[in-house]
Amino acid sequence: METIFEFSPLIVAIVPVITGLVQVTKGLGVTSKYAPLASIFLGIGLVALTGVTWQVFIVQGIIAGLAASGLFSGAKATFAKE
């Protein structure tokens, strides 16, 4: 049984997928203001598909969503033109 803070490689691989899906939702009309919230919900939804218990997929989904938000903002800051 997987505990809350034991991440499988599949969960780690979900993070860039969430980032891409958030960009798709922004293209569909979701404002940037709600992008972190969309990231968290997408994280919870995608982790739920991995078959872990509900307590685990909620916590790991939130962590994956927040990691995806950080990945996007970090890349944006790194490659921003000055």
N, C-alpha and C. Protein backbone atom coordinates (compact mmCIF):
# COMPACT_ATOMS: atom_id res chain seq x y z
N MET A 1 0.84 -1.19 0.00
CA MET A 1 0.00 0.00 0.00
C MET A 1 0.88 1.24 0.00
N GLU A 2 0.52 2.17 -0.78
CA GLU A 2 1.27 3.41 -0.90
C GLU A 2 0.79 4.40 0.16
N THR A 3 1.75 5.05 0.81
CA THR A 3 1.38 6.06 1.80
C THR A 3 1.33 7.42 1.12
N ILE A 4 0.94 8.41 1.86
CA ILE A 4 0.71 9.74 1.30
C ILE A 4 1.97 10.33 0.66
N PHE A 5 3.11 10.13 1.28
CA PHE A 5 4.32 10.78 0.79
C PHE A 5 5.27 9.84 0.06
N GLU A 6 4.80 8.67 -0.36
CA GLU A 6 5.58 7.77 -1.21
C GLU A 6 5.08 7.92 -2.63
N PHE A 7 5.88 8.57 -3.46
CA PHE A 7 5.47 8.87 -4.83
C PHE A 7 6.02 7.84 -5.79
N SER A 8 5.17 7.31 -6.62
CA SER A 8 5.62 6.40 -7.67
C SER A 8 6.13 7.24 -8.84
N PRO A 9 6.91 6.64 -9.73
CA PRO A 9 7.37 7.40 -10.90
C PRO A 9 6.22 7.92 -11.76
N LEU A 10 5.09 7.24 -11.74
CA LEU A 10 3.92 7.69 -12.49
C LEU A 10 3.41 9.03 -11.97
N ILE A 11 3.40 9.20 -10.66
CA ILE A 11 2.94 10.47 -10.07
C ILE A 11 3.90 11.59 -10.46
N VAL A 12 5.19 11.31 -10.44
CA VAL A 12 6.17 12.32 -10.82
C VAL A 12 6.01 12.68 -12.30
N ALA A 13 5.69 11.71 -13.13
CA ALA A 13 5.51 11.96 -14.56
C ALA A 13 4.24 12.76 -14.86
N ILE A 14 3.31 12.78 -13.94
CA ILE A 14 2.06 13.51 -14.13
C ILE A 14 2.27 15.02 -14.09
N VAL A 15 3.30 15.48 -13.38
CA VAL A 15 3.51 16.92 -13.18
C VAL A 15 3.63 17.69 -14.50
N PRO A 16 4.49 17.29 -15.46
CA PRO A 16 4.52 18.04 -16.72
C PRO A 16 3.24 17.89 -17.54
N VAL A 17 2.54 16.77 -17.36
CA VAL A 17 1.26 16.58 -18.07
C VAL A 17 0.25 17.61 -17.56
N ILE A 18 0.23 17.83 -16.25
CA ILE A 18 -0.67 18.82 -15.66
C ILE A 18 -0.35 20.20 -16.22
N THR A 19 0.94 20.51 -16.33
CA THR A 19 1.35 21.81 -16.86
C THR A 19 0.81 22.01 -18.28
N GLY A 20 0.93 20.99 -19.09
CA GLY A 20 0.41 21.07 -20.46
C GLY A 20 -1.10 21.20 -20.50
N LEU A 21 -1.79 20.44 -19.65
CA LEU A 21 -3.25 20.51 -19.63
C LEU A 21 -3.75 21.87 -19.12
N VAL A 22 -3.03 22.48 -18.21
CA VAL A 22 -3.42 23.81 -17.74
C VAL A 22 -3.27 24.81 -18.88
N GLN A 23 -2.24 24.67 -19.70
CA GLN A 23 -2.08 25.56 -20.85
C GLN A 23 -3.22 25.37 -21.84
N VAL A 24 -3.69 24.14 -21.98
CA VAL A 24 -4.84 23.88 -22.85
C VAL A 24 -6.09 24.55 -22.29
N THR A 25 -6.30 24.44 -20.97
CA THR A 25 -7.48 25.07 -20.37
C THR A 25 -7.41 26.59 -20.49
N LYS A 26 -6.20 27.15 -20.41
CA LYS A 26 -6.07 28.60 -20.60
C LYS A 26 -6.44 28.98 -22.03
N GLY A 27 -6.12 28.12 -22.98
CA GLY A 27 -6.51 28.36 -24.36
C GLY A 27 -8.01 28.25 -24.58
N LEU A 28 -8.68 27.50 -23.69
CA LEU A 28 -10.13 27.33 -23.78
C LEU A 28 -10.90 28.44 -23.07
N GLY A 29 -10.18 29.37 -22.43
CA GLY A 29 -10.85 30.51 -21.83
C GLY A 29 -10.69 30.67 -20.33
N VAL A 30 -10.01 29.74 -19.66
CA VAL A 30 -9.77 29.90 -18.23
C VAL A 30 -8.71 30.98 -18.06
N THR A 31 -8.96 31.95 -17.20
CA THR A 31 -8.00 33.04 -17.02
C THR A 31 -6.80 32.56 -16.21
N SER A 32 -5.71 33.29 -16.33
CA SER A 32 -4.48 32.94 -15.60
C SER A 32 -4.69 33.01 -14.10
N LYS A 33 -5.65 33.78 -13.67
CA LYS A 33 -5.96 33.91 -12.25
C LYS A 33 -6.37 32.56 -11.66
N TYR A 34 -7.08 31.75 -12.45
CA TYR A 34 -7.58 30.47 -11.98
C TYR A 34 -6.70 29.29 -12.39
N ALA A 35 -5.58 29.54 -13.03
CA ALA A 35 -4.69 28.46 -13.49
C ALA A 35 -4.16 27.60 -12.34
N PRO A 36 -3.72 28.17 -11.21
CA PRO A 36 -3.27 27.31 -10.11
C PRO A 36 -4.38 26.41 -9.57
N LEU A 37 -5.58 26.92 -9.51
CA LEU A 37 -6.71 26.12 -9.04
C LEU A 37 -7.01 24.99 -10.03
N ALA A 38 -6.94 25.29 -11.31
CA ALA A 38 -7.13 24.27 -12.34
C ALA A 38 -6.03 23.22 -12.24
N SER A 39 -4.82 23.66 -11.94
CA SER A 39 -3.70 22.75 -11.78
C SER A 39 -3.93 21.77 -10.64
N ILE A 40 -4.44 22.26 -9.53
CA ILE A 40 -4.71 21.40 -8.38
C ILE A 40 -5.80 20.39 -8.71
N PHE A 41 -6.89 20.85 -9.32
CA PHE A 41 -7.98 19.93 -9.67
C PHE A 41 -7.54 18.89 -10.70
N LEU A 42 -6.76 19.30 -11.67
CA LEU A 42 -6.24 18.35 -12.64
C LEU A 42 -5.30 17.35 -11.97
N GLY A 43 -4.51 17.83 -11.04
CA GLY A 43 -3.61 16.93 -10.30
C GLY A 43 -4.39 15.88 -9.53
N ILE A 44 -5.42 16.30 -8.84
CA ILE A 44 -6.25 15.36 -8.08
C ILE A 44 -6.90 14.36 -9.02
N GLY A 45 -7.43 14.85 -10.13
CA GLY A 45 -8.10 13.97 -11.08
C GLY A 45 -7.16 12.95 -11.72
N LEU A 46 -5.98 13.39 -12.10
CA LEU A 46 -5.04 12.47 -12.74
C LEU A 46 -4.46 11.46 -11.76
N VAL A 47 -4.19 11.89 -10.55
CA VAL A 47 -3.67 10.95 -9.55
C VAL A 47 -4.74 9.94 -9.16
N ALA A 48 -6.00 10.35 -9.19
CA ALA A 48 -7.09 9.43 -8.87
C ALA A 48 -7.13 8.27 -9.86
N LEU A 49 -6.68 8.50 -11.09
CA LEU A 49 -6.67 7.45 -12.10
C LEU A 49 -5.61 6.39 -11.86
N THR A 50 -4.69 6.63 -10.93
CA THR A 50 -3.61 5.68 -10.68
C THR A 50 -4.04 4.53 -9.77
N GLY A 51 -5.18 4.64 -9.14
CA GLY A 51 -5.70 3.53 -8.35
C GLY A 51 -5.27 3.50 -6.89
N VAL A 52 -4.85 4.61 -6.33
CA VAL A 52 -4.51 4.66 -4.92
C VAL A 52 -5.75 5.02 -4.12
N THR A 53 -5.66 4.92 -2.80
CA THR A 53 -6.82 5.22 -1.96
C THR A 53 -7.17 6.71 -2.06
N TRP A 54 -8.38 7.04 -1.66
CA TRP A 54 -8.84 8.43 -1.84
C TRP A 54 -8.04 9.41 -1.02
N GLN A 55 -7.59 9.02 0.18
CA GLN A 55 -6.78 9.94 0.99
C GLN A 55 -5.46 10.24 0.29
N VAL A 56 -4.88 9.20 -0.28
CA VAL A 56 -3.59 9.36 -0.95
C VAL A 56 -3.74 10.19 -2.22
N PHE A 57 -4.78 9.92 -3.03
CA PHE A 57 -4.87 10.67 -4.29
C PHE A 57 -5.22 12.12 -4.08
N ILE A 58 -5.92 12.46 -3.00
CA ILE A 58 -6.19 13.88 -2.74
C ILE A 58 -4.91 14.61 -2.37
N VAL A 59 -4.15 14.06 -1.43
CA VAL A 59 -2.92 14.73 -0.99
C VAL A 59 -1.88 14.76 -2.11
N GLN A 60 -1.67 13.60 -2.77
CA GLN A 60 -0.69 13.57 -3.84
C GLN A 60 -1.13 14.40 -5.04
N GLY A 61 -2.42 14.48 -5.29
CA GLY A 61 -2.93 15.31 -6.37
C GLY A 61 -2.69 16.79 -6.11
N ILE A 62 -2.90 17.21 -4.88
CA ILE A 62 -2.63 18.61 -4.51
C ILE A 62 -1.15 18.91 -4.66
N ILE A 63 -0.31 18.00 -4.18
CA ILE A 63 1.14 18.20 -4.29
C ILE A 63 1.57 18.24 -5.76
N ALA A 64 1.04 17.34 -6.59
CA ALA A 64 1.40 17.33 -8.01
C ALA A 64 0.91 18.60 -8.71
N GLY A 65 -0.29 19.08 -8.36
CA GLY A 65 -0.81 20.31 -8.94
C GLY A 65 0.02 21.52 -8.56
N LEU A 66 0.42 21.59 -7.30
CA LEU A 66 1.26 22.71 -6.87
C LEU A 66 2.64 22.63 -7.50
N ALA A 67 3.16 21.42 -7.66
CA ALA A 67 4.46 21.26 -8.32
C ALA A 67 4.38 21.70 -9.78
N ALA A 68 3.27 21.39 -10.43
CA ALA A 68 3.09 21.81 -11.83
C ALA A 68 3.01 23.33 -11.93
N SER A 69 2.35 23.97 -10.98
CA SER A 69 2.28 25.43 -10.98
C SER A 69 3.67 26.03 -10.79
N GLY A 70 4.45 25.44 -9.89
CA GLY A 70 5.81 25.91 -9.66
C GLY A 70 6.70 25.67 -10.86
N LEU A 71 6.51 24.54 -11.54
CA LEU A 71 7.28 24.24 -12.74
C LEU A 71 7.02 25.29 -13.81
N PHE A 72 5.77 25.65 -14.00
CA PHE A 72 5.43 26.63 -15.02
C PHE A 72 5.97 28.01 -14.66
N SER A 73 5.76 28.43 -13.42
CA SER A 73 6.21 29.78 -13.04
C SER A 73 7.73 29.87 -13.03
N GLY A 74 8.40 28.79 -12.66
CA GLY A 74 9.85 28.78 -12.69
C GLY A 74 10.40 28.86 -14.10
N ALA A 75 9.80 28.11 -15.01
CA ALA A 75 10.23 28.15 -16.40
C ALA A 75 9.93 29.51 -17.02
N LYS A 76 8.78 30.07 -16.66
CA LYS A 76 8.40 31.38 -17.18
C LYS A 76 9.39 32.45 -16.72
N ALA A 77 9.80 32.38 -15.44
CA ALA A 77 10.75 33.36 -14.92
C ALA A 77 12.13 33.17 -15.53
N THR A 78 12.49 31.93 -15.80
CA THR A 78 13.81 31.64 -16.35
C THR A 78 13.96 32.14 -17.78
N PHE A 79 12.91 31.93 -18.57
CA PHE A 79 13.00 32.27 -19.98
C PHE A 79 12.36 33.60 -20.34
N ALA A 80 11.98 34.39 -19.36
CA ALA A 80 11.38 35.69 -19.63
C ALA A 80 12.43 36.64 -20.18
N LYS A 81 12.03 37.42 -21.17
CA LYS A 81 12.93 38.42 -21.74
C LYS A 81 12.97 39.62 -20.82
N GLU A 82 14.15 40.13 -20.64
CA GLU A 82 14.29 41.28 -19.74
C GLU A 82 14.21 42.57 -20.50
